[in-house]
Amino acid sequence: SPAQTLAFIQPAARAWGYAGLLRAAPVWQAKGRSLGV
């Protein structure tokens, strides 16, 4: 994979990861845990 793809992975994965943690927040809360942010 070209260098521009490796550079693209970080922001792309962060966009997905931030959204994923928001979606998972209720599950975490049910376990007695918060995201801390």
Full PDB file with SEQRES, HELIX, SHEET, SSBOND, CRYST1, ORIGX, SCALE, CONECT and MASTER records, all heavy atoms in Angstrom:
SEQRES   1 A   37  SER PRO ALA GLN THR LEU ALA PHE ILE GLN PRO ALA ALA          
SEQRES   2 A   37  ARG ALA TRP GLY TYR ALA GLY LEU LEU ARG ALA ALA PRO          
SEQRES   3 A   37  VAL TRP GLN ALA LYS GLY ARG SER LEU GLY VAL                  
HELIX    1 AA1 ALA A    3  ALA A   30  1                                  28    
CRYST1    1.000    1.000    1.000  90.00  90.00  90.00 P 1           1          
ORIGX1      1.000000  0.000000  0.000000        0.00000                         
ORIGX2      0.000000  1.000000  0.000000        0.00000                         
ORIGX3      0.000000  0.000000  1.000000        0.00000                         
SCALE1      1.000000  0.000000  0.000000        0.00000                         
SCALE2      0.000000  1.000000  0.000000        0.00000                         
SCALE3      0.000000  0.000000  1.000000        0.00000                         
ATOM      1  N   SER A   1       0.829  -1.201   0.000  1.00  0.00           N  
ATOM      2  CA  SER A   1       0.000   0.000   0.000  1.00  0.00           C  
ATOM      3  C   SER A   1       0.864   1.252   0.000  1.00  0.00           C  
ATOM      4  O   SER A   1       1.889   1.309   0.680  1.00  0.00           O  
ATOM      5  CB  SER A   1      -0.909   0.009   1.231  1.00  0.00           C  
ATOM      6  OG  SER A   1      -1.721  -1.140   1.247  1.00  0.00           O  
ATOM      7  N   PRO A   2       0.462   2.279  -0.750  1.00  0.00           N  
ATOM      8  CA  PRO A   2       1.277   3.500  -0.849  1.00  0.00           C  
ATOM      9  C   PRO A   2       1.313   4.283   0.454  1.00  0.00           C  
ATOM     10  O   PRO A   2       0.467   4.114   1.331  1.00  0.00           O  
ATOM     11  CB  PRO A   2       0.570   4.299  -1.953  1.00  0.00           C  
ATOM     12  CG  PRO A   2      -0.839   3.801  -1.959  1.00  0.00           C  
ATOM     13  CD  PRO A   2      -0.756   2.348  -1.588  1.00  0.00           C  
ATOM     14  N   ALA A   3       2.295   5.164   0.540  1.00  0.00           N  
ATOM     15  CA  ALA A   3       2.498   5.948   1.761  1.00  0.00           C  
ATOM     16  C   ALA A   3       1.274   6.797   2.098  1.00  0.00           C  
ATOM     17  O   ALA A   3       0.941   6.974   3.274  1.00  0.00           O  
ATOM     18  CB  ALA A   3       3.726   6.840   1.606  1.00  0.00           C  
ATOM     19  N   GLN A   4       0.580   7.318   1.087  1.00  0.00           N  
ATOM     20  CA  GLN A   4      -0.568   8.174   1.387  1.00  0.00           C  
ATOM     21  C   GLN A   4      -1.702   7.389   2.046  1.00  0.00           C  
ATOM     22  O   GLN A   4      -2.506   7.947   2.782  1.00  0.00           O  
ATOM     23  CB  GLN A   4      -1.084   8.889   0.133  1.00  0.00           C  
ATOM     24  CG  GLN A   4      -1.700   7.984  -0.923  1.00  0.00           C  
ATOM     25  CD  GLN A   4      -0.726   7.692  -2.043  1.00  0.00           C  
ATOM     26  OE1 GLN A   4       0.482   7.626  -1.822  1.00  0.00           O  
ATOM     27  NE2 GLN A   4      -1.239   7.531  -3.255  1.00  0.00           N  
ATOM     28  N   THR A   5      -1.740   6.076   1.791  1.00  0.00           N  
ATOM     29  CA  THR A   5      -2.765   5.263   2.450  1.00  0.00           C  
ATOM     30  C   THR A   5      -2.410   5.046   3.906  1.00  0.00           C  
ATOM     31  O   THR A   5      -3.275   5.097   4.787  1.00  0.00           O  
ATOM     32  CB  THR A   5      -2.923   3.913   1.735  1.00  0.00           C  
ATOM     33  OG1 THR A   5      -3.345   4.149   0.381  1.00  0.00           O  
ATOM     34  CG2 THR A   5      -3.955   3.039   2.438  1.00  0.00           C  
ATOM     35  N   LEU A   6      -1.158   4.800   4.201  1.00  0.00           N  
ATOM     36  CA  LEU A   6      -0.742   4.624   5.593  1.00  0.00           C  
ATOM     37  C   LEU A   6      -1.003   5.900   6.395  1.00  0.00           C  
ATOM     38  O   LEU A   6      -1.388   5.839   7.566  1.00  0.00           O  
ATOM     39  CB  LEU A   6       0.733   4.231   5.650  1.00  0.00           C  
ATOM     40  CG  LEU A   6       1.083   2.897   4.956  1.00  0.00           C  
ATOM     41  CD1 LEU A   6       2.572   2.613   5.084  1.00  0.00           C  
ATOM     42  CD2 LEU A   6       0.260   1.752   5.525  1.00  0.00           C  
ATOM     43  N   ALA A   7      -0.827   7.060   5.769  1.00  0.00           N  
ATOM     44  CA  ALA A   7      -1.111   8.327   6.445  1.00  0.00           C  
ATOM     45  C   ALA A   7      -2.615   8.539   6.623  1.00  0.00           C  
ATOM     46  O   ALA A   7      -3.052   9.169   7.597  1.00  0.00           O  
ATOM     47  CB  ALA A   7      -0.514   9.481   5.651  1.00  0.00           C  
ATOM     48  N   PHE A   8      -3.386   8.005   5.721  1.00  0.00           N  
ATOM     49  CA  PHE A   8      -4.843   8.139   5.762  1.00  0.00           C  
ATOM     50  C   PHE A   8      -5.456   7.300   6.879  1.00  0.00           C  
ATOM     51  O   PHE A   8      -6.501   7.661   7.444  1.00  0.00           O  
ATOM     52  CB  PHE A   8      -5.399   7.712   4.400  1.00  0.00           C  
ATOM     53  CG  PHE A   8      -6.860   7.367   4.361  1.00  0.00           C  
ATOM     54  CD1 PHE A   8      -7.830   8.352   4.272  1.00  0.00           C  
ATOM     55  CD2 PHE A   8      -7.276   6.040   4.401  1.00  0.00           C  
ATOM     56  CE1 PHE A   8      -9.179   8.031   4.216  1.00  0.00           C  
ATOM     57  CE2 PHE A   8      -8.611   5.706   4.346  1.00  0.00           C  
ATOM     58  CZ  PHE A   8      -9.566   6.704   4.256  1.00  0.00           C  
ATOM     59  N   ILE A   9      -4.831   6.178   7.221  1.00  0.00           N  
ATOM     60  CA  ILE A   9      -5.411   5.243   8.179  1.00  0.00           C  
ATOM     61  C   ILE A   9      -5.692   5.904   9.528  1.00  0.00           C  
ATOM     62  O   ILE A   9      -6.751   5.675  10.126  1.00  0.00           O  
ATOM     63  CB  ILE A   9      -4.496   4.013   8.352  1.00  0.00           C  
ATOM     64  CG1 ILE A   9      -4.570   3.128   7.104  1.00  0.00           C  
ATOM     65  CG2 ILE A   9      -4.866   3.218   9.599  1.00  0.00           C  
ATOM     66  CD1 ILE A   9      -3.557   1.986   7.097  1.00  0.00           C  
ATOM     67  N   GLN A  10      -4.763   6.733  10.007  1.00  0.00           N  
ATOM     68  CA  GLN A  10      -4.948   7.283  11.353  1.00  0.00           C  
ATOM     69  C   GLN A  10      -6.220   8.120  11.485  1.00  0.00           C  
ATOM     70  O   GLN A  10      -7.057   7.845  12.351  1.00  0.00           O  
ATOM     71  CB  GLN A  10      -3.730   8.080  11.802  1.00  0.00           C  
ATOM     72  CG  GLN A  10      -3.854   8.555  13.241  1.00  0.00           C  
ATOM     73  CD  GLN A  10      -2.659   9.382  13.678  1.00  0.00           C  
ATOM     74  OE1 GLN A  10      -2.589  10.574  13.411  1.00  0.00           O  
ATOM     75  NE2 GLN A  10      -1.713   8.754  14.351  1.00  0.00           N  
ATOM     76  N   PRO A  11      -6.424   9.154  10.649  1.00  0.00           N  
ATOM     77  CA  PRO A  11      -7.663   9.926  10.823  1.00  0.00           C  
ATOM     78  C   PRO A  11      -8.921   9.121  10.508  1.00  0.00           C  
ATOM     79  O   PRO A  11      -9.959   9.308  11.153  1.00  0.00           O  
ATOM     80  CB  PRO A  11      -7.496  11.107   9.853  1.00  0.00           C  
ATOM     81  CG  PRO A  11      -6.477  10.659   8.860  1.00  0.00           C  
ATOM     82  CD  PRO A  11      -5.553   9.758   9.609  1.00  0.00           C  
ATOM     83  N   ALA A  12      -8.828   8.211   9.529  1.00  0.00           N  
ATOM     84  CA  ALA A  12      -9.995   7.400   9.182  1.00  0.00           C  
ATOM     85  C   ALA A  12     -10.397   6.508  10.355  1.00  0.00           C  
ATOM     86  O   ALA A  12     -11.573   6.416  10.719  1.00  0.00           O  
ATOM     87  CB  ALA A  12      -9.700   6.558   7.946  1.00  0.00           C  
ATOM     88  N   ALA A  13      -9.414   5.855  10.952  1.00  0.00           N  
ATOM     89  CA  ALA A  13      -9.703   4.972  12.083  1.00  0.00           C  
ATOM     90  C   ALA A  13     -10.159   5.764  13.300  1.00  0.00           C  
ATOM     91  O   ALA A  13     -11.007   5.303  14.072  1.00  0.00           O  
ATOM     92  CB  ALA A  13      -8.472   4.137  12.418  1.00  0.00           C  
ATOM     93  N   ARG A  14      -9.613   6.950  13.478  1.00  0.00           N  
ATOM     94  CA  ARG A  14     -10.057   7.773  14.611  1.00  0.00           C  
ATOM     95  C   ARG A  14     -11.510   8.200  14.436  1.00  0.00           C  
ATOM     96  O   ARG A  14     -12.283   8.181  15.404  1.00  0.00           O  
ATOM     97  CB  ARG A  14      -9.148   8.998  14.755  1.00  0.00           C  
ATOM     98  CG  ARG A  14      -7.787   8.666  15.339  1.00  0.00           C  
ATOM     99  CD  ARG A  14      -6.909   9.907  15.496  1.00  0.00           C  
ATOM    100  NE  ARG A  14      -5.620   9.553  16.105  1.00  0.00           N  
ATOM    101  CZ  ARG A  14      -4.659  10.414  16.389  1.00  0.00           C  
ATOM    102  NH1 ARG A  14      -4.841  11.716  16.130  1.00  0.00           N  
ATOM    103  NH2 ARG A  14      -3.526  10.017  16.936  1.00  0.00           N  
ATOM    104  N   ALA A  15     -11.888   8.598  13.250  1.00  0.00           N  
ATOM    105  CA  ALA A  15     -13.285   8.974  13.010  1.00  0.00           C  
ATOM    106  C   ALA A  15     -14.207   7.814  13.376  1.00  0.00           C  
ATOM    107  O   ALA A  15     -15.231   7.992  14.053  1.00  0.00           O  
ATOM    108  CB  ALA A  15     -13.479   9.388  11.560  1.00  0.00           C  
ATOM    109  N   TRP A  16     -13.840   6.621  12.943  1.00  0.00           N  
ATOM    110  CA  TRP A  16     -14.655   5.446  13.233  1.00  0.00           C  
ATOM    111  C   TRP A  16     -14.600   5.098  14.722  1.00  0.00           C  
ATOM    112  O   TRP A  16     -15.620   4.739  15.317  1.00  0.00           O  
ATOM    113  CB  TRP A  16     -14.172   4.268  12.398  1.00  0.00           C  
ATOM    114  CG  TRP A  16     -15.075   3.089  12.493  1.00  0.00           C  
ATOM    115  CD1 TRP A  16     -14.845   1.900  13.126  1.00  0.00           C  
ATOM    116  CD2 TRP A  16     -16.381   2.991  11.926  1.00  0.00           C  
ATOM    117  NE1 TRP A  16     -15.931   1.074  13.004  1.00  0.00           N  
ATOM    118  CE2 TRP A  16     -16.885   1.718  12.271  1.00  0.00           C  
ATOM    119  CE3 TRP A  16     -17.183   3.848  11.170  1.00  0.00           C  
ATOM    120  CZ2 TRP A  16     -18.156   1.289  11.877  1.00  0.00           C  
ATOM    121  CZ3 TRP A  16     -18.443   3.426  10.785  1.00  0.00           C  
ATOM    122  CH2 TRP A  16     -18.914   2.160  11.126  1.00  0.00           C  
ATOM    123  N   GLY A  17     -13.431   5.210  15.307  1.00  0.00           N  
ATOM    124  CA  GLY A  17     -13.273   4.852  16.710  1.00  0.00           C  
ATOM    125  C   GLY A  17     -14.002   5.779  17.655  1.00  0.00           C  
ATOM    126  O   GLY A  17     -14.650   5.331  18.618  1.00  0.00           O  
ATOM    127  N   TYR A  18     -13.940   7.081  17.404  1.00  0.00           N  
ATOM    128  CA  TYR A  18     -14.669   8.024  18.247  1.00  0.00           C  
ATOM    129  C   TYR A  18     -16.175   7.741  18.166  1.00  0.00           C  
ATOM    130  O   TYR A  18     -16.876   7.738  19.180  1.00  0.00           O  
ATOM    131  CB  TYR A  18     -14.388   9.460  17.822  1.00  0.00           C  
ATOM    132  CG  TYR A  18     -12.990   9.957  18.078  1.00  0.00           C  
ATOM    133  CD1 TYR A  18     -12.286  10.676  17.115  1.00  0.00           C  
ATOM    134  CD2 TYR A  18     -12.355   9.722  19.307  1.00  0.00           C  
ATOM    135  CE1 TYR A  18     -10.998  11.146  17.353  1.00  0.00           C  
ATOM    136  CE2 TYR A  18     -11.077  10.192  19.552  1.00  0.00           C  
ATOM    137  CZ  TYR A  18     -10.394  10.894  18.569  1.00  0.00           C  
ATOM    138  OH  TYR A  18      -9.127  11.349  18.813  1.00  0.00           O  
ATOM    139  N   ALA A  19     -16.657   7.522  16.949  1.00  0.00           N  
ATOM    140  CA  ALA A  19     -18.079   7.210  16.789  1.00  0.00           C  
ATOM    141  C   ALA A  19     -18.423   5.900  17.481  1.00  0.00           C  
ATOM    142  O   ALA A  19     -19.479   5.771  18.115  1.00  0.00           O  
ATOM    143  CB  ALA A  19     -18.433   7.137  15.303  1.00  0.00           C  
ATOM    144  N   GLY A  20     -17.520   4.929  17.370  1.00  0.00           N  
ATOM    145  CA  GLY A  20     -17.770   3.636  17.997  1.00  0.00           C  
ATOM    146  C   GLY A  20     -17.841   3.713  19.506  1.00  0.00           C  
ATOM    147  O   GLY A  20     -18.686   3.045  20.135  1.00  0.00           O  
ATOM    148  N   LEU A  21     -16.998   4.525  20.114  1.00  0.00           N  
ATOM    149  CA  LEU A  21     -17.042   4.668  21.570  1.00  0.00           C  
ATOM    150  C   LEU A  21     -18.326   5.374  22.018  1.00  0.00           C  
ATOM    151  O   LEU A  21     -18.885   5.040  23.065  1.00  0.00           O  
ATOM    152  CB  LEU A  21     -15.811   5.418  22.066  1.00  0.00           C  
ATOM    153  CG  LEU A  21     -14.508   4.609  22.067  1.00  0.00           C  
ATOM    154  CD1 LEU A  21     -13.342   5.471  22.545  1.00  0.00           C  
ATOM    155  CD2 LEU A  21     -14.631   3.376  22.962  1.00  0.00           C  
ATOM    156  N   LEU A  22     -18.778   6.330  21.227  1.00  0.00           N  
ATOM    157  CA  LEU A  22     -20.062   6.962  21.545  1.00  0.00           C  
ATOM    158  C   LEU A  22     -21.187   5.936  21.493  1.00  0.00           C  
ATOM    159  O   LEU A  22     -22.076   5.924  22.359  1.00  0.00           O  
ATOM    160  CB  LEU A  22     -20.352   8.098  20.556  1.00  0.00           C  
ATOM    161  CG  LEU A  22     -19.631   9.416  20.801  1.00  0.00           C  
ATOM    162  CD1 LEU A  22     -19.824  10.355  19.613  1.00  0.00           C  
ATOM    163  CD2 LEU A  22     -20.138  10.074  22.083  1.00  0.00           C  
ATOM    164  N   ARG A  23     -21.164   5.079  20.507  1.00  0.00           N  
ATOM    165  CA  ARG A  23     -22.199   4.041  20.380  1.00  0.00           C  
ATOM    166  C   ARG A  23     -22.115   3.043  21.527  1.00  0.00           C  
ATOM    167  O   ARG A  23     -23.137   2.517  21.980  1.00  0.00           O  
ATOM    168  CB  ARG A  23     -22.050   3.318  19.044  1.00  0.00           C  
ATOM    169  CG  ARG A  23     -22.285   4.204  17.829  1.00  0.00           C  
ATOM    170  CD  ARG A  23     -21.923   3.469  16.546  1.00  0.00           C  
ATOM    171  NE  ARG A  23     -22.815   2.346  16.311  1.00  0.00           N  
ATOM    172  CZ  ARG A  23     -22.560   1.387  15.420  1.00  0.00           C  
ATOM    173  NH1 ARG A  23     -21.451   1.401  14.714  1.00  0.00           N  
ATOM    174  NH2 ARG A  23     -23.435   0.411  15.252  1.00  0.00           N  
ATOM    175  N   ALA A  24     -20.892   2.778  21.991  1.00  0.00           N  
ATOM    176  CA  ALA A  24     -20.697   1.775  23.044  1.00  0.00           C  
ATOM    177  C   ALA A  24     -20.896   2.339  24.447  1.00  0.00           C  
ATOM    178  O   ALA A  24     -20.946   1.574  25.415  1.00  0.00           O  
ATOM    179  CB  ALA A  24     -19.292   1.183  22.930  1.00  0.00           C  
ATOM    180  N   ALA A  25     -21.010   3.654  24.580  1.00  0.00           N  
ATOM    181  CA  ALA A  25     -21.078   4.283  25.910  1.00  0.00           C  
ATOM    182  C   ALA A  25     -22.173   3.689  26.798  1.00  0.00           C  
ATOM    183  O   ALA A  25     -21.935   3.442  27.989  1.00  0.00           O  
ATOM    184  CB  ALA A  25     -21.254   5.791  25.767  1.00  0.00           C  
ATOM    185  N   PRO A  26     -23.387   3.435  26.281  1.00  0.00           N  
ATOM    186  CA  PRO A  26     -24.414   2.842  27.152  1.00  0.00           C  
ATOM    187  C   PRO A  26     -24.021   1.462  27.691  1.00  0.00           C  
ATOM    188  O   PRO A  26     -24.348   1.118  28.830  1.00  0.00           O  
ATOM    189  CB  PRO A  26     -25.644   2.742  26.237  1.00  0.00           C  
ATOM    190  CG  PRO A  26     -25.423   3.794  25.200  1.00  0.00           C  
ATOM    191  CD  PRO A  26     -23.947   3.801  24.966  1.00  0.00           C  
ATOM    192  N   VAL A  27     -23.324   0.681  26.873  1.00  0.00           N  
ATOM    193  CA  VAL A  27     -22.883  -0.644  27.316  1.00  0.00           C  
ATOM    194  C   VAL A  27     -21.847  -0.498  28.420  1.00  0.00           C  
ATOM    195  O   VAL A  27     -21.883  -1.215  29.430  1.00  0.00           O  
ATOM    196  CB  VAL A  27     -22.307  -1.438  26.130  1.00  0.00           C  
ATOM    197  CG1 VAL A  27     -21.752  -2.785  26.592  1.00  0.00           C  
ATOM    198  CG2 VAL A  27     -23.373  -1.643  25.057  1.00  0.00           C  
ATOM    199  N   TRP A  28     -20.921   0.442  28.229  1.00  0.00           N  
ATOM    200  CA  TRP A  28     -19.905   0.683  29.248  1.00  0.00           C  
ATOM    201  C   TRP A  28     -20.564   1.149  30.548  1.00  0.00           C  
ATOM    202  O   TRP A  28     -20.186   0.717  31.643  1.00  0.00           O  
ATOM    203  CB  TRP A  28     -18.902   1.734  28.752  1.00  0.00           C  
ATOM    204  CG  TRP A  28     -17.931   1.218  27.750  1.00  0.00           C  
ATOM    205  CD1 TRP A  28     -18.169   0.324  26.748  1.00  0.00           C  
ATOM    206  CD2 TRP A  28     -16.549   1.572  27.641  1.00  0.00           C  
ATOM    207  NE1 TRP A  28     -17.037   0.114  26.017  1.00  0.00           N  
ATOM    208  CE2 TRP A  28     -16.028   0.860  26.544  1.00  0.00           C  
ATOM    209  CE3 TRP A  28     -15.718   2.428  28.345  1.00  0.00           C  
ATOM    210  CZ2 TRP A  28     -14.706   0.969  26.151  1.00  0.00           C  
ATOM    211  CZ3 TRP A  28     -14.393   2.545  27.950  1.00  0.00           C  
ATOM    212  CH2 TRP A  28     -13.889   1.821  26.869  1.00  0.00           C  
ATOM    213  N   GLN A  29     -21.541   2.041  30.428  1.00  0.00           N  
ATOM    214  CA  GLN A  29     -22.213   2.562  31.617  1.00  0.00           C  
ATOM    215  C   GLN A  29     -22.941   1.448  32.364  1.00  0.00           C  
ATOM    216  O   GLN A  29     -22.982   1.433  33.599  1.00  0.00           O  
ATOM    217  CB  GLN A  29     -23.186   3.673  31.221  1.00  0.00           C  
ATOM    218  CG  GLN A  29     -22.478   4.952  30.785  1.00  0.00           C  
ATOM    219  CD  GLN A  29     -23.420   5.950  30.135  1.00  0.00           C  
ATOM    220  OE1 GLN A  29     -24.609   5.688  29.979  1.00  0.00           O  
ATOM    221  NE2 GLN A  29     -22.877   7.100  29.728  1.00  0.00           N  
ATOM    222  N   ALA A  30     -23.517   0.498  31.617  1.00  0.00           N  
ATOM    223  CA  ALA A  30     -24.209  -0.623  32.250  1.00  0.00           C  
ATOM    224  C   ALA A  30     -23.254  -1.489  33.051  1.00  0.00           C  
ATOM    225  O   ALA A  30     -23.667  -2.171  33.995  1.00  0.00           O  
ATOM    226  CB  ALA A  30     -24.913  -1.462  31.187  1.00  0.00           C  
ATOM    227  N   LYS A  31     -21.980  -1.436  32.685  1.00  0.00           N  
ATOM    228  CA  LYS A  31     -20.959  -2.195  33.419  1.00  0.00           C  
ATOM    229  C   LYS A  31     -20.325  -1.367  34.538  1.00  0.00           C  
ATOM    230  O   LYS A  31     -19.378  -1.803  35.184  1.00  0.00           O  
ATOM    231  CB  LYS A  31     -19.853  -2.642  32.454  1.00  0.00           C  
ATOM    232  CG  LYS A  31     -20.316  -3.630  31.395  1.00  0.00           C  
ATOM    233  CD  LYS A  31     -19.163  -3.981  30.465  1.00  0.00           C  
ATOM    234  CE  LYS A  31     -19.597  -4.968  29.396  1.00  0.00           C  
ATOM    235  NZ  LYS A  31     -18.486  -5.305  28.468  1.00  0.00           N  
ATOM    236  N   GLY A  32     -20.847  -0.147  34.727  1.00  0.00           N  
ATOM    237  CA  GLY A  32     -20.313   0.698  35.779  1.00  0.00           C  
ATOM    238  C   GLY A  32     -19.058   1.440  35.378  1.00  0.00           C  
ATOM    239  O   GLY A  32     -18.270   1.851  36.235  1.00  0.00           O  
ATOM    240  N   ARG A  33     -18.877   1.654  34.081  1.00  0.00           N  
ATOM    241  CA  ARG A  33     -17.666   2.323  33.611  1.00  0.00           C  
ATOM    242  C   ARG A  33     -18.033   3.491  32.708  1.00  0.00           C  
ATOM    243  O   ARG A  33     -18.972   3.397  31.911  1.00  0.00           O  
ATOM    244  CB  ARG A  33     -16.789   1.336  32.839  1.00  0.00           C  
ATOM    245  CG  ARG A  33     -15.480   1.944  32.350  1.00  0.00           C  
ATOM    246  CD  ARG A  33     -14.668   0.950  31.539  1.00  0.00           C  
ATOM    247  NE  ARG A  33     -13.406   1.535  31.118  1.00  0.00           N  
ATOM    248  CZ  ARG A  33     -12.556   0.944  30.293  1.00  0.00           C  
ATOM    249  NH1 ARG A  33     -12.814  -0.248  29.809  1.00  0.00           N  
ATOM    250  NH2 ARG A  33     -11.429   1.542  29.964  1.00  0.00           N  
ATOM    251  N   SER A  34     -17.304   4.579  32.813  1.00  0.00           N  
ATOM    252  CA  SER A  34     -17.496   5.716  31.914  1.00  0.00           C  
ATOM    253  C   SER A  34     -16.266   5.859  31.028  1.00  0.00           C  
ATOM    254  O   SER A  34     -15.200   5.322  31.321  1.00  0.00           O  
ATOM    255  CB  SER A  34     -17.715   7.006  32.702  1.00  0.00           C  
ATOM    256  OG  SER A  34     -16.504   7.428  33.307  1.00  0.00           O  
ATOM    257  N   LEU A  35     -16.444   6.601  29.947  1.00  0.00           N  
ATOM    258  CA  LEU A  35     -15.322   6.824  29.032  1.00  0.00           C  
ATOM    259  C   LEU A  35     -14.301   7.786  29.631  1.00  0.00           C  
ATOM    260  O   LEU A  35     -13.130   7.771  29.248  1.00  0.00           O  
ATOM    261  CB  LEU A  35     -15.832   7.380  27.708  1.00  0.00           C  
ATOM    262  CG  LEU A  35     -16.729   6.448  26.880  1.00  0.00           C  
ATOM    263  CD1 LEU A  35     -17.258   7.187  25.658  1.00  0.00           C  
ATOM    264  CD2 LEU A  35     -15.966   5.208  26.459  1.00  0.00           C  
ATOM    265  N   GLY A  36     -14.744   8.646  30.537  1.00  0.00           N  
ATOM    266  CA  GLY A  36     -13.833   9.609  31.151  1.00  0.00           C  
ATOM    267  C   GLY A  36     -13.695  10.892  30.365  1.00  0.00           C  
ATOM    268  O   GLY A  36     -12.883  11.751  30.731  1.00  0.00           O  
ATOM    269  N   VAL A  37     -14.474  11.041  29.293  1.00  0.00           N  
ATOM    270  CA  VAL A  37     -14.436  12.270  28.486  1.00  0.00           C  
ATOM    271  C   VAL A  37     -15.874  12.668  28.158  1.00  0.00           C  
ATOM    272  O   VAL A  37     -16.792  11.842  28.162  1.00  0.00           O  
ATOM    273  CB  VAL A  37     -13.635  12.077  27.178  1.00  0.00           C  
ATOM    274  CG1 VAL A  37     -12.201  11.699  27.480  1.00  0.00           C  
ATOM    275  CG2 VAL A  37     -14.280  11.019  26.291  1.00  0.00           C  
TER     276      VAL A  37                                                      
MASTER        0    0    0    1    0    0    0    6  275    1    0    3          
END                                                                             
